[in-house]
Every structure is written in C-alpha cells, then in structure tokens.
Amino acid sequence: MQDHRDDSAPEPAPPRALTPAAERALAEAAERRAAIDARAAAIQARPERQGRGGLEPVRYEDWEVKGLAVDF
C-alpha cells in the first residue's frame, strides 16, 4: 500500500496587526539599539591600548565578562 502524504509545509498565517503600544515599544527598542550601536562605533574609533581584545565590556553600561554582568 502506498502512502500519499503531502510533504509540503503549511502556509504561514497572515501577520496580526500590532497595537499602538506594541508599535511604540518596537520603535523605542530600535532607537535603543541604534544608540548602543552608535556608542559601540565611538568606542571602536578609540581602541584601548593593550586591552583584552574582543567586544568592549562596557558597551551596555555595565562590565561583562564570560556572560556575567556587573553594574557600575
């Protein structure tokens, strides 16, 4: 007996409309990400001499090493 399965993926549901509060939250998050990226670019423009390498540990206004963060 043969299986006649349809291996095609189901169609995705249409996107739901966002509430005004959700749209504001997304816009605020985008602004924060842009500010963090701008600050990171400014920090990268002045590299640390004989630093530890990698991403700047204070890029999120706290000190982060190996996934642990400490606020100043």
PDB file of N, CA and C in Angstrom:
ATOM      1  N   MET A   1       0.834  -1.172   0.000  1.00  0.00           N
ATOM      2  CA  MET A   1       0.000   0.000   0.000  1.00  0.00           C
ATOM      3  C   MET A   1       0.884   1.243   0.000  1.00  0.00           C
ATOM      4  N   GLN A   2       0.520   2.237  -0.712  1.00  0.00           N
ATOM      5  CA  GLN A   2       1.320   3.450  -0.820  1.00  0.00           C
ATOM      6  C   GLN A   2       0.748   4.549   0.056  1.00  0.00           C
ATOM      7  N   ASP A   3       1.680   5.297   0.659  1.00  0.00           N
ATOM      8  CA  ASP A   3       1.270   6.484   1.418  1.00  0.00           C
ATOM      9  C   ASP A   3       1.231   7.669   0.467  1.00  0.00           C
ATOM     10  N   HIS A   4       0.184   8.409   0.521  1.00  0.00           N
ATOM     11  CA  HIS A   4       0.072   9.609  -0.300  1.00  0.00           C
ATOM     12  C   HIS A   4       0.132  10.827   0.603  1.00  0.00           C
ATOM     13  N   ARG A   5       1.262  10.964   1.283  1.00  0.00           N
ATOM     14  CA  ARG A   5       1.425  12.106   2.185  1.00  0.00           C
ATOM     15  C   ARG A   5       1.864  13.331   1.400  1.00  0.00           C
ATOM     16  N   ASP A   6       1.406  14.459   1.850  1.00  0.00           N
ATOM     17  CA  ASP A   6       1.813  15.734   1.257  1.00  0.00           C
ATOM     18  C   ASP A   6       2.909  16.318   2.137  1.00  0.00           C
ATOM     19  N   ASP A   7       4.151  16.348   1.642  1.00  0.00           N
ATOM     20  CA  ASP A   7       5.281  16.831   2.432  1.00  0.00           C
ATOM     21  C   ASP A   7       5.476  18.338   2.352  1.00  0.00           C
ATOM     22  N   SER A   8       4.573  19.028   1.692  1.00  0.00           N
ATOM     23  CA  SER A   8       4.725  20.481   1.601  1.00  0.00           C
ATOM     24  C   SER A   8       4.365  21.117   2.939  1.00  0.00           C
ATOM     25  N   ALA A   9       5.030  22.199   3.248  1.00  0.00           N
ATOM     26  CA  ALA A   9       4.792  22.899   4.518  1.00  0.00           C
ATOM     27  C   ALA A   9       3.463  23.645   4.447  1.00  0.00           C
ATOM     28  N   PRO A  10       2.775  23.737   5.584  1.00  0.00           N
ATOM     29  CA  PRO A  10       1.521  24.502   5.572  1.00  0.00           C
ATOM     30  C   PRO A  10       1.801  25.987   5.368  1.00  0.00           C
ATOM     31  N   GLU A  11       0.839  26.669   4.812  1.00  0.00           N
ATOM     32  CA  GLU A  11       1.009  28.096   4.574  1.00  0.00           C
ATOM     33  C   GLU A  11       1.042  28.837   5.901  1.00  0.00           C
ATOM     34  N   PRO A  12       1.959  29.812   6.044  1.00  0.00           N
ATOM     35  CA  PRO A  12       2.014  30.564   7.298  1.00  0.00           C
ATOM     36  C   PRO A  12       0.779  31.456   7.451  1.00  0.00           C
ATOM     37  N   ALA A  13       0.413  31.683   8.693  1.00  0.00           N
ATOM     38  CA  ALA A  13      -0.744  32.539   8.971  1.00  0.00           C
ATOM     39  C   ALA A  13      -0.383  33.985   8.635  1.00  0.00           C
ATOM     40  N   PRO A  14      -1.337  34.768   8.204  1.00  0.00           N
ATOM     41  CA  PRO A  14      -1.035  36.177   7.909  1.00  0.00           C
ATOM     42  C   PRO A  14      -0.645  36.901   9.201  1.00  0.00           C
ATOM     43  N   PRO A  15       0.255  37.881   9.108  1.00  0.00           N
ATOM     44  CA  PRO A  15       0.690  38.585  10.316  1.00  0.00           C
ATOM     45  C   PRO A  15      -0.463  39.357  10.955  1.00  0.00           C
ATOM     46  N   ARG A  16      -0.474  39.357  12.286  1.00  0.00           N
ATOM     47  CA  ARG A  16      -1.516  40.083  13.006  1.00  0.00           C
ATOM     48  C   ARG A  16      -1.133  41.555  13.099  1.00  0.00           C
ATOM     49  N   ALA A  17      -2.123  42.385  13.162  1.00  0.00           N
ATOM     50  CA  ALA A  17      -1.889  43.829  13.299  1.00  0.00           C
ATOM     51  C   ALA A  17      -1.383  44.111  14.710  1.00  0.00           C
ATOM     52  N   LEU A  18      -0.405  44.995  14.812  1.00  0.00           N
ATOM     53  CA  LEU A  18       0.147  45.363  16.110  1.00  0.00           C
ATOM     54  C   LEU A  18      -0.674  46.482  16.736  1.00  0.00           C
ATOM     55  N   THR A  19      -0.736  46.458  18.053  1.00  0.00           N
ATOM     56  CA  THR A  19      -1.414  47.539  18.763  1.00  0.00           C
ATOM     57  C   THR A  19      -0.510  48.767  18.745  1.00  0.00           C
ATOM     58  N   PRO A  20      -1.059  49.956  18.974  1.00  0.00           N
ATOM     59  CA  PRO A  20      -0.212  51.155  19.022  1.00  0.00           C
ATOM     60  C   PRO A  20       0.867  51.056  20.098  1.00  0.00           C
ATOM     61  N   ALA A  21       0.560  50.435  21.237  1.00  0.00           N
ATOM     62  CA  ALA A  21       1.560  50.283  22.296  1.00  0.00           C
ATOM     63  C   ALA A  21       2.700  49.384  21.836  1.00  0.00           C
ATOM     64  N   ALA A  22       2.381  48.325  21.101  1.00  0.00           N
ATOM     65  CA  ALA A  22       3.414  47.426  20.597  1.00  0.00           C
ATOM     66  C   ALA A  22       4.286  48.132  19.563  1.00  0.00           C
ATOM     67  N   GLU A  23       3.668  48.929  18.708  1.00  0.00           N
ATOM     68  CA  GLU A  23       4.441  49.678  17.707  1.00  0.00           C
ATOM     69  C   GLU A  23       5.372  50.675  18.383  1.00  0.00           C
ATOM     70  N   ARG A  24       4.894  51.366  19.447  1.00  0.00           N
ATOM     71  CA  ARG A  24       5.757  52.293  20.189  1.00  0.00           C
ATOM     72  C   ARG A  24       6.910  51.558  20.840  1.00  0.00           C
ATOM     73  N   ALA A  25       6.634  50.398  21.416  1.00  0.00           N
ATOM     74  CA  ALA A  25       7.679  49.612  22.071  1.00  0.00           C
ATOM     75  C   ALA A  25       8.737  49.180  21.066  1.00  0.00           C
ATOM     76  N   LEU A  26       8.313  48.742  19.881  1.00  0.00           N
ATOM     77  CA  LEU A  26       9.270  48.352  18.855  1.00  0.00           C
ATOM     78  C   LEU A  26      10.108  49.541  18.383  1.00  0.00           C
ATOM     79  N   ALA A  27       9.485  50.704  18.253  1.00  0.00           N
ATOM     80  CA  ALA A  27      10.223  51.904  17.842  1.00  0.00           C
ATOM     81  C   ALA A  27      11.230  52.306  18.913  1.00  0.00           C
ATOM     82  N   GLU A  28      10.828  52.232  20.185  1.00  0.00           N
ATOM     83  CA  GLU A  28      11.753  52.573  21.270  1.00  0.00           C
ATOM     84  C   GLU A  28      12.917  51.599  21.322  1.00  0.00           C
ATOM     85  N   ALA A  29      12.647  50.314  21.113  1.00  0.00           N
ATOM     86  CA  ALA A  29      13.718  49.316  21.108  1.00  0.00           C
ATOM     87  C   ALA A  29      14.690  49.562  19.956  1.00  0.00           C
ATOM     88  N   ALA A  30      14.167  49.948  18.795  1.00  0.00           N
ATOM     89  CA  ALA A  30      15.029  50.244  17.654  1.00  0.00           C
ATOM     90  C   ALA A  30      15.913  51.459  17.951  1.00  0.00           C
ATOM     91  N   GLU A  31      15.352  52.469  18.626  1.00  0.00           N
ATOM     92  CA  GLU A  31      16.143  53.647  18.997  1.00  0.00           C
ATOM     93  C   GLU A  31      17.253  53.266  19.983  1.00  0.00           C
ATOM     94  N   ARG A  32      16.915  52.408  20.960  1.00  0.00           N
ATOM     95  CA  ARG A  32      17.929  51.981  21.924  1.00  0.00           C
ATOM     96  C   ARG A  32      19.032  51.198  21.248  1.00  0.00           C
ATOM     97  N   ARG A  33      18.670  50.298  20.319  1.00  0.00           N
ATOM     98  CA  ARG A  33      19.686  49.526  19.598  1.00  0.00           C
ATOM     99  C   ARG A  33      20.569  50.453  18.770  1.00  0.00           C
ATOM    100  N   ALA A  34      19.978  51.468  18.134  1.00  0.00           N
ATOM    101  CA  ALA A  34      20.761  52.414  17.334  1.00  0.00           C
ATOM    102  C   ALA A  34      21.713  53.194  18.227  1.00  0.00           C
ATOM    103  N   ALA A  35      21.258  53.583  19.425  1.00  0.00           N
ATOM    104  CA  ALA A  35      22.127  54.308  20.356  1.00  0.00           C
ATOM    105  C   ALA A  35      23.273  53.427  20.826  1.00  0.00           C
ATOM    106  N   ILE A  36      22.991  52.162  21.106  1.00  0.00           N
ATOM    107  CA  ILE A  36      24.044  51.232  21.534  1.00  0.00           C
ATOM    108  C   ILE A  36      25.047  51.035  20.404  1.00  0.00           C
ATOM    109  N   ASP A  37      24.561  50.881  19.166  1.00  0.00           N
ATOM    110  CA  ASP A  37      25.458  50.708  18.022  1.00  0.00           C
ATOM    111  C   ASP A  37      26.312  51.947  17.802  1.00  0.00           C
ATOM    112  N   ALA A  38      25.723  53.144  17.974  1.00  0.00           N
ATOM    113  CA  ALA A  38      26.489  54.383  17.800  1.00  0.00           C
ATOM    114  C   ALA A  38      27.558  54.495  18.871  1.00  0.00           C
ATOM    115  N   ARG A  39      27.207  54.132  20.111  1.00  0.00           N
ATOM    116  CA  ARG A  39      28.185  54.179  21.202  1.00  0.00           C
ATOM    117  C   ARG A  39      29.307  53.164  20.958  1.00  0.00           C
ATOM    118  N   ALA A  40      28.957  51.978  20.478  1.00  0.00           N
ATOM    119  CA  ALA A  40      29.958  50.958  20.174  1.00  0.00           C
ATOM    120  C   ALA A  40      30.898  51.435  19.062  1.00  0.00           C
ATOM    121  N   ALA A  41      30.343  52.116  18.067  1.00  0.00           N
ATOM    122  CA  ALA A  41      31.184  52.641  16.985  1.00  0.00           C
ATOM    123  C   ALA A  41      32.133  53.708  17.511  1.00  0.00           C
ATOM    124  N   ALA A  42      31.648  54.559  18.429  1.00  0.00           N
ATOM    125  CA  ALA A  42      32.513  55.589  19.007  1.00  0.00           C
ATOM    126  C   ALA A  42      33.625  54.962  19.842  1.00  0.00           C
ATOM    127  N   ILE A  43      33.289  53.906  20.572  1.00  0.00           N
ATOM    128  CA  ILE A  43      34.297  53.221  21.379  1.00  0.00           C
ATOM    129  C   ILE A  43      35.326  52.550  20.481  1.00  0.00           C
ATOM    130  N   GLN A  44      34.869  51.930  19.386  1.00  0.00           N
ATOM    131  CA  GLN A  44      35.776  51.258  18.463  1.00  0.00           C
ATOM    132  C   GLN A  44      36.703  52.248  17.761  1.00  0.00           C
ATOM    133  N   ALA A  45      36.265  53.499  17.640  1.00  0.00           N
ATOM    134  CA  ALA A  45      37.095  54.516  16.993  1.00  0.00           C
ATOM    135  C   ALA A  45      38.315  54.850  17.858  1.00  0.00           C
ATOM    136  N   ARG A  46      38.191  54.648  19.172  1.00  0.00           N
ATOM    137  CA  ARG A  46      39.306  54.889  20.091  1.00  0.00           C
ATOM    138  C   ARG A  46      39.684  53.560  20.754  1.00  0.00           C
ATOM    139  N   PRO A  47      40.430  52.702  20.074  1.00  0.00           N
ATOM    140  CA  PRO A  47      40.732  51.397  20.656  1.00  0.00           C
ATOM    141  C   PRO A  47      41.599  51.509  21.920  1.00  0.00           C
ATOM    142  N   GLU A  48      41.371  50.589  22.830  1.00  0.00           N
ATOM    143  CA  GLU A  48      42.136  50.540  24.059  1.00  0.00           C
ATOM    144  C   GLU A  48      43.543  50.013  23.761  1.00  0.00           C
ATOM    145  N   ARG A  49      44.536  50.575  24.397  1.00  0.00           N
ATOM    146  CA  ARG A  49      45.910  50.115  24.201  1.00  0.00           C
ATOM    147  C   ARG A  49      46.177  48.931  25.119  1.00  0.00           C
ATOM    148  N   GLN A  50      46.635  47.855  24.533  1.00  0.00           N
ATOM    149  CA  GLN A  50      46.953  46.617  25.243  1.00  0.00           C
ATOM    150  C   GLN A  50      45.752  46.119  26.042  1.00  0.00           C
ATOM    151  N   GLY A  51      44.565  46.244  25.452  1.00  0.00           N
ATOM    152  CA  GLY A  51      43.342  45.783  26.103  1.00  0.00           C
ATOM    153  C   GLY A  51      43.171  44.283  25.959  1.00  0.00           C
ATOM    154  N   ARG A  52      42.049  43.788  26.430  1.00  0.00           N
ATOM    155  CA  ARG A  52      41.824  42.349  26.428  1.00  0.00           C
ATOM    156  C   ARG A  52      41.324  41.831  25.086  1.00  0.00           C
ATOM    157  N   GLY A  53      40.985  42.698  24.148  1.00  0.00           N
ATOM    158  CA  GLY A  53      40.504  42.261  22.841  1.00  0.00           C
ATOM    159  C   GLY A  53      39.032  41.905  22.885  1.00  0.00           C
ATOM    160  N   GLY A  54      38.452  41.704  21.741  1.00  0.00           N
ATOM    161  CA  GLY A  54      37.031  41.368  21.676  1.00  0.00           C
ATOM    162  C   GLY A  54      36.164  42.605  21.817  1.00  0.00           C
ATOM    163  N   LEU A  55      34.888  42.362  22.075  1.00  0.00           N
ATOM    164  CA  LEU A  55      33.951  43.462  22.220  1.00  0.00           C
ATOM    165  C   LEU A  55      34.228  44.236  23.499  1.00  0.00           C
ATOM    166  N   GLU A  56      33.937  45.510  23.466  1.00  0.00           N
ATOM    167  CA  GLU A  56      34.139  46.368  24.635  1.00  0.00           C
ATOM    168  C   GLU A  56      33.235  45.901  25.775  1.00  0.00           C
ATOM    169  N   PRO A  57      33.789  45.618  26.956  1.00  0.00           N
ATOM    170  CA  PRO A  57      32.971  45.079  28.038  1.00  0.00           C
ATOM    171  C   PRO A  57      31.962  46.062  28.614  1.00  0.00           C
ATOM    172  N   VAL A  58      32.101  47.351  28.375  1.00  0.00           N
ATOM    173  CA  VAL A  58      31.162  48.324  28.933  1.00  0.00           C
ATOM    174  C   VAL A  58      30.176  48.832  27.886  1.00  0.00           C
ATOM    175  N   ARG A  59      29.958  48.079  26.834  1.00  0.00           N
ATOM    176  CA  ARG A  59      29.084  48.548  25.760  1.00  0.00           C
ATOM    177  C   ARG A  59      27.635  48.642  26.175  1.00  0.00           C
ATOM    178  N   TYR A  60      27.214  47.970  27.236  1.00  0.00           N
ATOM    179  CA  TYR A  60      25.840  48.055  27.725  1.00  0.00           C
ATOM    180  C   TYR A  60      25.784  48.778  29.062  1.00  0.00           C
ATOM    181  N   GLU A  61      26.723  49.680  29.320  1.00  0.00           N
ATOM    182  CA  GLU A  61      26.781  50.448  30.561  1.00  0.00           C
ATOM    183  C   GLU A  61      27.035  49.564  31.780  1.00  0.00           C
ATOM    184  N   ASP A  62      27.582  48.386  31.585  1.00  0.00           N
ATOM    185  CA  ASP A  62      27.988  47.546  32.691  1.00  0.00           C
ATOM    186  C   ASP A  62      29.218  46.751  32.254  1.00  0.00           C
ATOM    187  N   TRP A  63      29.837  46.081  33.178  1.00  0.00           N
ATOM    188  CA  TRP A  63      31.028  45.301  32.888  1.00  0.00           C
ATOM    189  C   TRP A  63      30.599  43.862  32.693  1.00  0.00           C
ATOM    190  N   GLU A  64      30.956  43.282  31.567  1.00  0.00           N
ATOM    191  CA  GLU A  64      30.542  41.926  31.259  1.00  0.00           C
ATOM    192  C   GLU A  64      31.757  41.096  30.912  1.00  0.00           C
ATOM    193  N   VAL A  65      31.916  39.970  31.604  1.00  0.00           N
ATOM    194  CA  VAL A  65      32.999  39.030  31.295  1.00  0.00           C
ATOM    195  C   VAL A  65      32.422  37.632  31.407  1.00  0.00           C
ATOM    196  N   LYS A  66      32.567  36.847  30.356  1.00  0.00           N
ATOM    197  CA  LYS A  66      32.095  35.473  30.311  1.00  0.00           C
ATOM    198  C   LYS A  66      30.613  35.359  30.661  1.00  0.00           C
ATOM    199  N   GLY A  67      29.824  36.278  30.177  1.00  0.00           N
ATOM    200  CA  GLY A  67      28.386  36.211  30.365  1.00  0.00           C
ATOM    201  C   GLY A  67      27.888  36.766  31.683  1.00  0.00           C
ATOM    202  N   LEU A  68      28.778  37.152  32.593  1.00  0.00           N
ATOM    203  CA  LEU A  68      28.366  37.740  33.866  1.00  0.00           C
ATOM    204  C   LEU A  68      28.491  39.253  33.761  1.00  0.00           C
ATOM    205  N   ALA A  69      27.480  39.961  34.205  1.00  0.00           N
ATOM    206  CA  ALA A  69      27.495  41.423  34.113  1.00  0.00           C
ATOM    207  C   ALA A  69      27.403  42.021  35.513  1.00  0.00           C
ATOM    208  N   VAL A  70      28.166  43.092  35.704  1.00  0.00           N
ATOM    209  CA  VAL A  70      28.151  43.820  36.972  1.00  0.00           C
ATOM    210  C   VAL A  70      27.913  45.288  36.641  1.00  0.00           C
ATOM    211  N   ASP A  71      26.902  45.883  37.257  1.00  0.00           N
ATOM    212  CA  ASP A  71      26.617  47.306  37.030  1.00  0.00           C
ATOM    213  C   ASP A  71      27.628  48.148  37.792  1.00  0.00           C
ATOM    214  N   PHE A  72      27.932  49.296  37.217  1.00  0.00           N
ATOM    215  CA  PHE A  72      28.848  50.222  37.875  1.00  0.00           C
ATOM    216  C   PHE A  72      28.106  50.965  38.956  1.00  0.00           C
TER     217      PHE A  72
END
